[in-house]
Protein backbone atom coordinates (compact mmCIF):
# COMPACT_ATOMS: atom_id res chain seq x y z
CA MET A 1 114.74 -19.25 7.13
CA LEU A 2 117.04 -22.23 7.56
CA GLN A 3 118.18 -21.92 3.95
CA GLU A 4 119.14 -18.27 4.54
CA LEU A 5 121.45 -19.46 7.33
CA GLY A 6 122.96 -22.05 5.03
CA LEU A 7 121.37 -24.95 6.90
CA SER A 8 118.82 -27.59 6.09
CA TRP A 9 116.48 -29.32 8.52
CA THR A 10 118.65 -32.44 8.45
CA ALA A 11 121.87 -30.49 8.94
CA LEU A 12 120.46 -28.55 11.88
CA ASP A 13 119.17 -31.76 13.47
CA GLU A 14 122.59 -33.34 13.03
CA ARG A 15 124.29 -30.33 14.65
CA ILE A 16 122.01 -30.54 17.67
CA SER A 17 122.63 -34.29 17.99
CA ALA A 18 126.39 -33.77 17.68
CA TYR A 19 126.29 -31.13 20.41
CA PHE A 20 124.53 -33.42 22.89
CA ALA A 21 126.75 -36.37 21.90
CA VAL A 22 129.67 -34.57 23.59
CA PHE A 23 128.20 -35.60 26.98
CA GLY A 24 128.72 -39.29 26.18
CA ILE A 25 126.10 -42.04 26.07
CA GLY A 26 125.05 -41.73 29.71
CA GLY A 27 125.06 -37.94 29.66
CA GLU A 28 123.07 -37.79 26.45
CA MET A 29 120.44 -40.12 27.91
CA LEU A 30 120.14 -37.81 30.91
CA VAL A 31 119.81 -34.80 28.60
CA ARG A 32 117.03 -36.54 26.69
CA LEU A 33 115.13 -37.29 29.89
CA VAL A 34 115.40 -33.69 31.09
CA LEU A 35 114.36 -32.35 27.68
CA ALA A 36 111.37 -34.73 27.58
CA ALA A 37 110.27 -33.57 31.03
CA PHE A 38 110.62 -29.93 29.95
CA LEU A 39 108.57 -30.37 26.77
CA GLY A 40 105.90 -32.31 28.63
CA ALA A 41 105.75 -29.61 31.30
CA ILE A 42 105.20 -26.91 28.68
CA VAL A 43 102.14 -28.66 27.31
CA GLY A 44 100.93 -29.68 30.77
CA ILE A 45 101.06 -26.12 32.13
CA GLU A 46 98.81 -24.95 29.31
CA ARG A 47 96.29 -27.68 30.16
CA GLU A 48 96.51 -26.93 33.89
CA LEU A 49 95.91 -23.22 33.38
CA ARG A 50 92.68 -24.10 31.61
CA GLY A 51 91.46 -26.15 34.57
CA HIS A 52 91.96 -29.67 33.17
CA GLN A 53 92.70 -32.47 35.62
CA ALA A 54 95.45 -33.88 33.38
CA GLY A 55 97.99 -31.16 33.97
CA MET A 56 101.73 -30.63 34.19
CA ARG A 57 102.60 -33.74 36.22
CA THR A 58 100.58 -36.04 33.97
CA PHE A 59 102.13 -34.78 30.73
CA MET A 60 105.63 -34.79 32.22
CA LEU A 61 105.27 -38.41 33.34
CA VAL A 62 103.97 -39.44 29.92
CA THR A 63 106.87 -37.85 28.02
CA VAL A 64 109.51 -39.08 30.46
CA GLY A 65 108.05 -42.59 30.48
CA ALA A 66 107.94 -42.75 26.69
CA THR A 67 111.52 -41.48 26.49
CA ILE A 68 112.73 -44.10 28.98
CA ALA A 69 110.98 -46.82 26.99
CA MET A 70 112.65 -45.64 23.78
CA LEU A 71 116.10 -45.43 25.42
CA VAL A 72 115.77 -48.93 26.85
CA SER A 73 114.65 -50.21 23.46
CA TRP A 74 117.68 -48.68 21.74
CA SER A 75 119.98 -50.10 24.42
CA PHE A 76 118.62 -53.59 23.80
CA ALA A 77 118.84 -53.18 20.03
CA TYR A 78 122.50 -52.09 20.00
CA GLN A 79 123.70 -54.48 22.66
CA GLN A 80 126.06 -57.20 21.48
CA TRP A 81 124.00 -60.31 21.96
CA PRO A 82 125.76 -63.71 21.78
CA SER A 83 125.35 -65.69 18.58
CA VAL A 84 123.18 -68.77 18.57
CA GLY A 85 125.02 -71.32 16.51
CA GLU A 86 127.18 -70.40 13.55
CA SER A 87 124.69 -68.53 11.41
CA ASN A 88 122.04 -67.24 13.86
CA GLN A 89 122.35 -63.77 15.38
CA ILE A 90 119.91 -62.23 17.86
CA THR A 91 118.48 -58.94 16.58
CA ILE A 92 115.93 -56.64 18.24
CA ASP A 93 113.68 -54.12 16.53
CA PRO A 94 113.72 -50.90 18.64
CA ALA A 95 110.42 -49.79 17.12
CA ARG A 96 108.53 -52.62 18.81
CA VAL A 97 108.65 -50.80 22.16
CA ALA A 98 107.26 -47.67 20.49
CA TYR A 99 104.24 -49.68 19.31
CA GLY A 100 103.59 -50.83 22.85
CA VAL A 101 103.99 -47.34 24.30
CA MET A 102 101.51 -45.75 21.92
CA THR A 103 98.99 -48.55 22.54
CA GLY A 104 99.35 -48.29 26.31
CA VAL A 105 99.06 -44.51 26.33
CA GLY A 106 95.90 -44.88 24.27
CA PHE A 107 94.30 -46.70 27.19
CA LEU A 108 95.54 -43.98 29.55
CA GLY A 109 93.93 -41.32 27.40
CA ALA A 110 90.69 -43.30 27.17
CA GLY A 111 90.42 -43.11 30.95
CA ASN A 112 90.28 -39.33 30.67
CA ILE A 113 87.23 -39.39 28.37
CA LEU A 114 83.93 -38.83 30.15
CA GLN A 115 80.44 -39.09 28.71
CA ASN A 116 77.70 -37.04 30.31
CA ARG A 117 74.34 -37.60 28.67
CA SER A 118 74.78 -36.54 25.05
CA GLN A 119 78.14 -34.82 25.57
CA VAL A 120 81.62 -36.32 25.49
CA ARG A 121 84.40 -34.55 27.37
CA GLY A 122 88.13 -35.16 27.56
CA LEU A 123 88.76 -36.10 23.93
CA THR A 124 91.17 -33.21 23.36
CA THR A 125 93.13 -33.97 26.52
CA ALA A 126 93.27 -37.67 25.63
CA ALA A 127 94.60 -36.82 22.17
CA GLY A 128 97.12 -34.48 23.80
CA ILE A 129 98.38 -37.26 26.10
CA TRP A 130 98.79 -39.58 23.13
CA ALA A 131 100.64 -36.92 21.10
CA THR A 132 102.86 -36.10 24.08
CA ALA A 133 103.90 -39.75 24.29
CA ALA A 134 104.96 -39.51 20.66
CA ILE A 135 107.06 -36.46 21.57
CA GLY A 136 108.73 -38.50 24.29
CA LEU A 137 109.54 -41.25 21.79
CA ALA A 138 111.01 -38.66 19.42
CA VAL A 139 113.25 -37.27 22.18
CA GLY A 140 114.31 -40.79 23.16
CA ASN A 141 115.25 -41.42 19.54
CA GLY A 142 117.35 -38.25 19.41
CA LEU A 143 114.99 -36.29 17.15
CA TYR A 144 115.30 -33.10 19.17
CA LEU A 145 114.19 -30.63 16.50
CA LEU A 146 111.17 -32.73 15.60
CA ALA A 147 110.12 -33.01 19.25
CA ALA A 148 110.48 -29.26 19.84
CA THR A 149 108.50 -28.44 16.70
CA ALA A 150 105.74 -30.86 17.68
CA THR A 151 105.53 -29.23 21.12
CA VAL A 152 105.10 -25.80 19.58
CA LEU A 153 102.39 -27.15 17.26
CA MET A 154 100.56 -28.68 20.23
CA LEU A 155 100.58 -25.32 22.00
CA VAL A 156 99.21 -23.69 18.85
CA VAL A 157 96.43 -26.29 18.68
CA PHE A 158 95.55 -26.02 22.38
CA SER A 159 95.77 -22.23 22.77
CA GLY A 160 95.61 -20.60 19.35
CA LEU A 161 92.84 -22.74 17.91
CA HIS A 162 90.92 -22.57 21.19
CA PHE A 163 90.87 -18.79 20.80
CA ALA A 164 89.78 -19.09 17.16
CA GLU A 165 87.00 -21.56 17.97
CA ARG A 166 85.76 -19.38 20.79
CA HIS A 167 85.50 -16.22 18.68
CA LEU A 168 85.02 -17.53 15.14
CA GLY A 169 83.54 -20.99 15.61
CA PRO A 170 79.94 -22.07 16.23
CA GLY A 171 80.11 -20.85 19.84
CA GLN A 172 80.96 -21.76 23.40
CA ARG A 173 78.78 -24.25 25.27
CA GLY A 174 77.61 -23.97 28.83
CA GLU A 175 75.33 -25.59 31.39
CA MET A 176 73.41 -23.77 34.11
CA THR A 177 70.95 -24.72 36.80
CA PHE A 178 68.50 -22.29 38.43
CA LEU A 179 66.29 -22.64 41.47
CA VAL A 180 63.07 -20.85 40.49
CA PRO A 181 59.43 -20.63 41.63
CA TRP A 182 57.18 -23.26 40.08
CA ASN A 183 55.52 -21.12 37.41
CA ASN A 184 55.94 -20.53 33.71
CA GLU A 185 56.53 -16.79 33.99
CA VAL A 186 59.95 -17.03 35.64
CA ASP A 187 60.98 -19.86 33.30
CA GLN A 188 60.07 -17.84 30.23
CA SER A 189 61.73 -14.72 31.65
CA ILE A 190 65.07 -16.55 31.99
CA ARG A 191 64.79 -17.93 28.46
CA ASP A 192 64.03 -14.49 27.02
CA LYS A 193 67.00 -12.90 28.78
CA LEU A 194 69.33 -15.65 27.58
CA LYS A 195 68.23 -15.15 24.00
CA ALA A 196 68.61 -11.38 24.34
CA SER A 197 72.19 -11.96 25.51
CA GLY A 198 73.04 -13.87 22.35
CA ALA A 199 72.60 -17.42 23.71
CA ARG A 200 70.84 -20.28 21.99
CA ILE A 201 69.18 -22.87 24.24
CA THR A 202 69.89 -26.38 22.99
CA SER A 203 68.09 -28.35 25.69
CA SER A 204 66.19 -27.74 28.92
CA ARG A 205 64.74 -29.71 31.80
CA ILE A 206 62.67 -28.56 34.75
CA SER A 207 62.03 -30.71 37.81
CA ARG A 208 59.69 -29.82 40.63
CA LYS A 209 61.10 -29.87 44.15
CA PRO A 210 59.31 -31.69 46.99
CA GLY A 211 56.65 -29.38 48.34
CA GLY A 212 55.66 -28.01 44.95
CA SER A 213 56.62 -24.34 45.35
CA GLU A 214 60.09 -24.43 43.73
CA ALA A 215 61.72 -26.15 40.76
CA GLU A 216 65.19 -26.71 39.31
CA LEU A 217 65.60 -25.43 35.77
CA GLU A 218 68.53 -26.96 33.87
CA LEU A 219 69.56 -25.32 30.59
CA ARG A 220 72.24 -26.06 28.02
CA ILE A 221 73.21 -23.15 25.84
CA VAL A 222 75.51 -22.16 22.99
CA PHE A 223 76.80 -18.60 23.03
CA LYS A 224 79.41 -16.39 21.41
CA ARG A 225 79.15 -13.17 23.35
CA HIS A 226 80.40 -14.57 26.65
CA ARG A 227 80.69 -11.14 28.27
CA ARG A 228 77.01 -10.45 27.77
CA ILE A 229 76.19 -13.89 29.17
CA SER A 230 78.19 -13.10 32.32
CA GLN A 231 76.42 -9.77 32.69
CA MET A 232 73.04 -11.45 32.25
CA LEU A 233 73.82 -14.10 34.88
CA ALA A 234 74.93 -11.41 37.34
CA ALA A 235 71.65 -9.55 36.76
CA LEU A 236 69.57 -12.69 37.27
CA GLU A 237 71.30 -13.48 40.56
CA LYS A 238 70.14 -10.12 41.93
CA GLN A 239 66.49 -11.10 41.52
CA PRO A 240 65.04 -12.46 44.78
CA ASP A 241 63.00 -15.23 43.13
CA ILE A 242 65.88 -16.69 41.06
CA GLU A 243 68.93 -18.52 42.44
CA LEU A 244 71.78 -19.65 40.19
CA ILE A 245 72.92 -23.04 41.55
CA THR A 246 75.55 -24.07 39.00
CA TRP A 247 77.14 -22.52 35.89
CA ARG A 248 80.02 -23.90 33.88
CA ARG A 249 81.38 -23.86 30.35
CA THR A 250 81.54 -27.25 28.65
């Protein structure tokens, strides 16, 4: 498409950079910060709409912070430092700050990873935070087209591939807890209805409540036909001897 317009990737990137350079050094830095916040917000809104704790504000702060770090690094690198002696000149590698940013954001993402029994949650969000920091560094370095393309790819990964995994992948996972009478008939009835709805039970645990008449039944399932699962849960809740305590997708 770019070739049809008589442009290459490099030429288009240079045109964008030349356009923003009209604002001067200070103005261009401000433009980069605003653009970084905008790109981070786009990714963060997608995460927030899906109910993740790391949402718009988190991703915006990560991209803006990474952009500031890159801008400060470039300012140090291109500053005219005084010579030390006749043959020694102070030089600074602007990429060194980028190394530190990516390492530090890695720790930030690790704090979002939670392990619950045999399941690990938050890996995708942690990877998204790390990738968003890289987008901020790209904006701070003036690679506008690269940063915008990376943002679009992140949205494709988060939204498009989520849809594909949900409908074409091995299935969606969920956890549910029921309060049931302490007998095998109700337990087996729930299991049979789950299987009839297209769910596969991966693990289960039943614990008897004090008094001995009721028990908590915890089930972990994998399912594809989520609509039938929802219908089945609604039907179970109408039964007087079964109470659905918790239900969530994992």
